[in-house]
C-alpha atoms as a PDB file:
ATOM      1  CA  MET A   1       2.538   0.907   2.850  1.00  0.00           C
ATOM      2  CA  ASP A   2       1.060   0.645  -1.185  1.00  0.00           C
ATOM      3  CA  THR A   3      -0.540  -2.580  -2.510  1.00  0.00           C
ATOM      4  CA  ASN A   4       2.511  -3.404  -4.851  1.00  0.00           C
ATOM      5  CA  VAL A   5       4.335  -4.109  -2.080  1.00  0.00           C
ATOM      6  CA  PHE A   6       3.284  -5.878  -0.290  1.00  0.00           C
ATOM      7  CA  VAL A   7       1.590  -8.354  -3.685  1.00  0.00           C
ATOM      8  CA  PHE A   8       5.468  -8.300  -4.837  1.00  0.00           C
ATOM      9  CA  ALA A   9       6.814  -9.986  -1.712  1.00  0.00           C
ATOM     10  CA  ASN A  10       4.340 -12.202  -1.682  1.00  0.00           C
ATOM     11  CA  ILE A  11       4.692 -13.810  -4.836  1.00  0.00           C
ATOM     12  CA  LYS A  12       7.674 -15.545  -5.789  1.00  0.00           C
ATOM     13  CA  ASP A  13       7.070 -15.756  -9.092  1.00  0.00           C
ATOM     14  CA  TYR A  14       7.655 -11.188  -9.713  1.00  0.00           C
ATOM     15  CA  PRO A  15      10.519 -10.643 -10.539  1.00  0.00           C
ATOM     16  CA  GLU A  16       9.808  -7.684  -8.024  1.00  0.00           C
ATOM     17  CA  HIS A  17       9.754 -10.429  -4.983  1.00  0.00           C
ATOM     18  CA  GLU A  18      13.014 -10.339  -3.487  1.00  0.00           C
ATOM     19  CA  ALA A  19      14.203  -6.500  -3.215  1.00  0.00           C
ATOM     20  CA  CYS A  20       9.952  -6.257  -1.743  1.00  0.00           C
ATOM     21  CA  LEU A  21      10.302  -8.951   0.673  1.00  0.00           C
ATOM     22  CA  LYS A  22      13.552  -7.552   2.171  1.00  0.00           C
ATOM     23  CA  LYS A  23      12.221  -4.022   1.862  1.00  0.00           C
ATOM     24  CA  LEU A  24       9.058  -5.059   3.903  1.00  0.00           C
ATOM     25  CA  GLN A  25      10.405  -7.373   6.360  1.00  0.00           C
ATOM     26  CA  GLU A  26      13.268  -3.911   7.163  1.00  0.00           C
ATOM     27  CA  LYS A  27      10.824  -1.531   7.255  1.00  0.00           C
ATOM     28  CA  MET A  28       8.729  -3.933   9.327  1.00  0.00           C
ATOM     29  CA  LEU A  29      11.551  -4.191  12.357  1.00  0.00           C
ATOM     30  CA  THR A  30      11.961  -0.931  12.707  1.00  0.00           C
ATOM     31  CA  GLU A  31       8.624   1.458  11.517  1.00  0.00           C
ATOM     32  CA  GLU A  32       5.095   1.701  11.873  1.00  0.00           C
ATOM     33  CA  LEU A  33       3.354   0.571   8.703  1.00  0.00           C
ATOM     34  CA  ALA A  34       0.109   2.222   7.349  1.00  0.00           C
ATOM     35  CA  ILE A  35      -2.479   0.446   5.503  1.00  0.00           C
ATOM     36  CA  ASN A  36      -6.246   1.204   4.703  1.00  0.00           C
ATOM     37  CA  ILE A  37      -9.303  -0.759   3.871  1.00  0.00           C
ATOM     38  CA  PHE A  38      -8.593  -0.225  -0.397  1.00  0.00           C
ATOM     39  CA  VAL A  39      -4.982  -2.152   0.364  1.00  0.00           C
ATOM     40  CA  LEU A  40      -6.206  -4.729   2.201  1.00  0.00           C
ATOM     41  CA  SER A  41      -9.123  -5.170  -0.864  1.00  0.00           C
ATOM     42  CA  GLU A  42      -6.573  -5.472  -3.436  1.00  0.00           C
ATOM     43  CA  SER A  43      -3.818  -6.802  -2.000  1.00  0.00           C
ATOM     44  CA  PHE A  44      -6.343  -9.823  -1.050  1.00  0.00           C
ATOM     45  CA  HIS A  45      -8.012  -9.726  -4.864  1.00  0.00           C
ATOM     46  CA  ILE A  46      -4.603  -9.733  -6.457  1.00  0.00           C
ATOM     47  CA  LEU A  47      -2.913 -12.471  -4.183  1.00  0.00           C
ATOM     48  CA  SER A  48      -6.861 -14.632  -4.919  1.00  0.00           C
ATOM     49  CA  LYS A  49      -5.579 -14.465  -8.069  1.00  0.00           C
ATOM     50  CA  HIS A  50      -1.995 -16.608  -8.187  1.00  0.00           C
ATOM     51  CA  LEU A  51      -2.674 -17.970  -4.668  1.00  0.00           C
ATOM     52  CA  ASP A  52      -5.659 -19.845  -3.324  1.00  0.00           C
ATOM     53  CA  LYS A  53      -8.133 -17.765  -1.218  1.00  0.00           C
ATOM     54  CA  THR A  54      -7.387 -19.240   1.911  1.00  0.00           C
ATOM     55  CA  ASP A  55      -3.810 -18.530   1.648  1.00  0.00           C
ATOM     56  CA  ALA A  56      -4.376 -14.937   0.517  1.00  0.00           C
ATOM     57  CA  GLU A  57      -6.761 -14.833   3.341  1.00  0.00           C
ATOM     58  CA  TYR A  58      -4.160 -15.978   5.810  1.00  0.00           C
ATOM     59  CA  ARG A  59      -1.432 -13.346   4.388  1.00  0.00           C
ATOM     60  CA  VAL A  60      -4.047 -10.615   4.417  1.00  0.00           C
ATOM     61  CA  GLU A  61      -4.906 -11.337   8.044  1.00  0.00           C
ATOM     62  CA  SER A  62      -0.819 -11.539   8.769  1.00  0.00           C
ATOM     63  CA  LEU A  63      -1.061  -7.576   7.800  1.00  0.00           C
ATOM     64  CA  LEU A  64      -3.665  -7.040  10.462  1.00  0.00           C
ATOM     65  CA  SER A  65      -2.390  -9.518  12.956  1.00  0.00           C
ATOM     66  CA  SER A  66       1.274  -7.336  13.133  1.00  0.00           C
ATOM     67  CA  ARG A  67       2.320  -5.161  15.586  1.00  0.00           C
ATOM     68  CA  ARG A  68       3.846  -3.056  13.167  1.00  0.00           C
ATOM     69  CA  ILE A  69       1.198  -1.918  10.918  1.00  0.00           C
ATOM     70  CA  ARG A  70      -1.339   0.472  11.493  1.00  0.00           C
ATOM     71  CA  TYR A  71      -4.589  -0.301  10.136  1.00  0.00           C
ATOM     72  CA  VAL A  72      -6.164   3.831   9.801  1.00  0.00           C
ATOM     73  CA  ASP A  73      -9.850   3.848   8.615  1.00  0.00           C
ATOM     74  CA  VAL A  74     -11.013   5.212   4.905  1.00  0.00           C
ATOM     75  CA  SER A  75     -13.904   7.906   6.460  1.00  0.00           C
ATOM     76  CA  LEU A  76     -16.950   9.325   3.983  1.00  0.00           C
ATOM     77  CA  SER A  77     -15.168  12.414   3.857  1.00  0.00           C
ATOM     78  CA  THR A  78     -11.748  11.128   2.604  1.00  0.00           C
ATOM     79  CA  PHE A  79     -13.079   8.982  -0.126  1.00  0.00           C
ATOM     80  CA  LYS A  80     -14.524  11.857  -1.425  1.00  0.00           C
ATOM     81  CA  GLU A  81     -11.425  14.346  -1.310  1.00  0.00           C
ATOM     82  CA  ALA A  82     -10.064  11.170  -2.737  1.00  0.00           C
ATOM     83  CA  MET A  83     -11.936  11.560  -5.785  1.00  0.00           C
ATOM     84  CA  SER A  84     -10.797  14.904  -6.416  1.00  0.00           C
ATOM     85  CA  ILE A  85      -7.754  14.339  -6.233  1.00  0.00           C
ATOM     86  CA  SER A  86      -8.948  11.415  -8.671  1.00  0.00           C
ATOM     87  CA  LYS A  87      -9.484  13.882 -10.698  1.00  0.00           C
ATOM     88  CA  GLU A  88      -7.102  16.486 -10.203  1.00  0.00           C
ATOM     89  CA  LYS A  89      -3.833  15.142 -10.186  1.00  0.00           C
ATOM     90  CA  ASP A  90      -5.253  12.223 -12.896  1.00  0.00           C
ATOM     91  CA  ILE A  91      -4.099   8.921 -10.608  1.00  0.00           C
ATOM     92  CA  ARG A  92      -6.267   6.228  -9.731  1.00  0.00           C
ATOM     93  CA  ILE A  93      -9.302   6.252  -7.420  1.00  0.00           C
ATOM     94  CA  ASN A  94      -7.776   3.697  -4.999  1.00  0.00           C
ATOM     95  CA  ASP A  95      -4.183   5.518  -4.859  1.00  0.00           C
ATOM     96  CA  ALA A  96      -5.808   8.876  -4.283  1.00  0.00           C
ATOM     97  CA  VAL A  97      -7.299   7.033  -1.372  1.00  0.00           C
ATOM     98  CA  VAL A  98      -4.390   5.612   0.300  1.00  0.00           C
ATOM     99  CA  TYR A  99      -2.891   9.462  -0.383  1.00  0.00           C
ATOM    100  CA  ALA A 100      -5.991  10.690   1.391  1.00  0.00           C
ATOM    101  CA  SER A 101      -5.504   8.299   4.192  1.00  0.00           C
ATOM    102  CA  MET A 102      -2.245   9.798   4.227  1.00  0.00           C
ATOM    103  CA  LYS A 103      -2.745  13.023   4.611  1.00  0.00           C
ATOM    104  CA  GLU A 104      -5.485  12.490   7.059  1.00  0.00           C
ATOM    105  CA  ASN A 105      -3.394  10.674   9.483  1.00  0.00           C
ATOM    106  CA  GLY A 106      -0.282  12.849   9.409  1.00  0.00           C
ATOM    107  CA  ILE A 107       1.779  10.745   7.151  1.00  0.00           C
ATOM    108  CA  THR A 108       4.492  12.058   3.948  1.00  0.00           C
ATOM    109  CA  GLN A 109       6.363   9.035   3.349  1.00  0.00           C
ATOM    110  CA  ILE A 110       4.839   5.583   1.097  1.00  0.00           C
ATOM    111  CA  LEU A 111       5.969   2.510   0.612  1.00  0.00           C
ATOM    112  CA  THR A 112       5.818   1.233  -2.999  1.00  0.00           C
ATOM    113  CA  THR A 113       7.077   1.074  -6.671  1.00  0.00           C
ATOM    114  CA  ASN A 114       4.469   2.879  -8.173  1.00  0.00           C
ATOM    115  CA  GLU A 115       6.869   6.624  -8.552  1.00  0.00           C
ATOM    116  CA  LYS A 116       4.321   7.747 -11.413  1.00  0.00           C
ATOM    117  CA  ASP A 117       1.090   8.198  -9.832  1.00  0.00           C
ATOM    118  CA  PHE A 118       2.324   9.120  -6.450  1.00  0.00           C
ATOM    119  CA  ARG A 119       5.731  12.258  -6.514  1.00  0.00           C
ATOM    120  CA  LYS A 120       2.265  13.802  -8.911  1.00  0.00           C
ATOM    121  CA  ILE A 121       1.261  14.873  -5.464  1.00  0.00           C
ATOM    122  CA  ARG A 122       3.248  17.600  -3.681  1.00  0.00           C
ATOM    123  CA  GLY A 123       4.839  17.080  -0.573  1.00  0.00           C
ATOM    124  CA  VAL A 124       4.621  12.628  -0.754  1.00  0.00           C
ATOM    125  CA  ILE A 125       8.019  11.671   0.122  1.00  0.00           C
ATOM    126  CA  VAL A 126       7.879   7.925  -2.033  1.00  0.00           C
ATOM    127  CA  GLU A 127      10.370   5.251  -1.105  1.00  0.00           C
ATOM    128  CA  ASN A 128      10.774   2.387  -3.833  1.00  0.00           C
ATOM    129  CA  PRO A 129      12.320  -0.793  -2.875  1.00  0.00           C
ATOM    130  CA  LEU A 130      13.307  -1.471  -6.344  1.00  0.00           C
ATOM    131  CA  ARG A 131      15.840   1.479  -6.349  1.00  0.00           C
ATOM    132  CA  ALA A 132      18.171   0.516  -3.624  1.00  0.00           C
END
């Protein structure tokens, strides 16, 4: 799962809120979702701008305590690969890290509203909650 889905699902003021919350709830009932430290970091950072830091921390911690969320580590070699991917595909480094950790863990599908960047990567199945 990409950061944007979790953030949109947690902030009611965003127009994407309803669709992302619904899709996230559906997915968590039927599938295991994977996240890494970059998704957690971005989520906390963005939520902290819209909520107080205690609430942001609680919501991010809820990801880590969910039985439907799998945390995947990002190794140094994963980060190095991500830098190459970022340069080669012209995508943000955090998106490249998400992809590199997906690849390392055999994950081919991503839940994201960021189709533009993830469609640049061959073999990634993009599921956008805003496209029903």
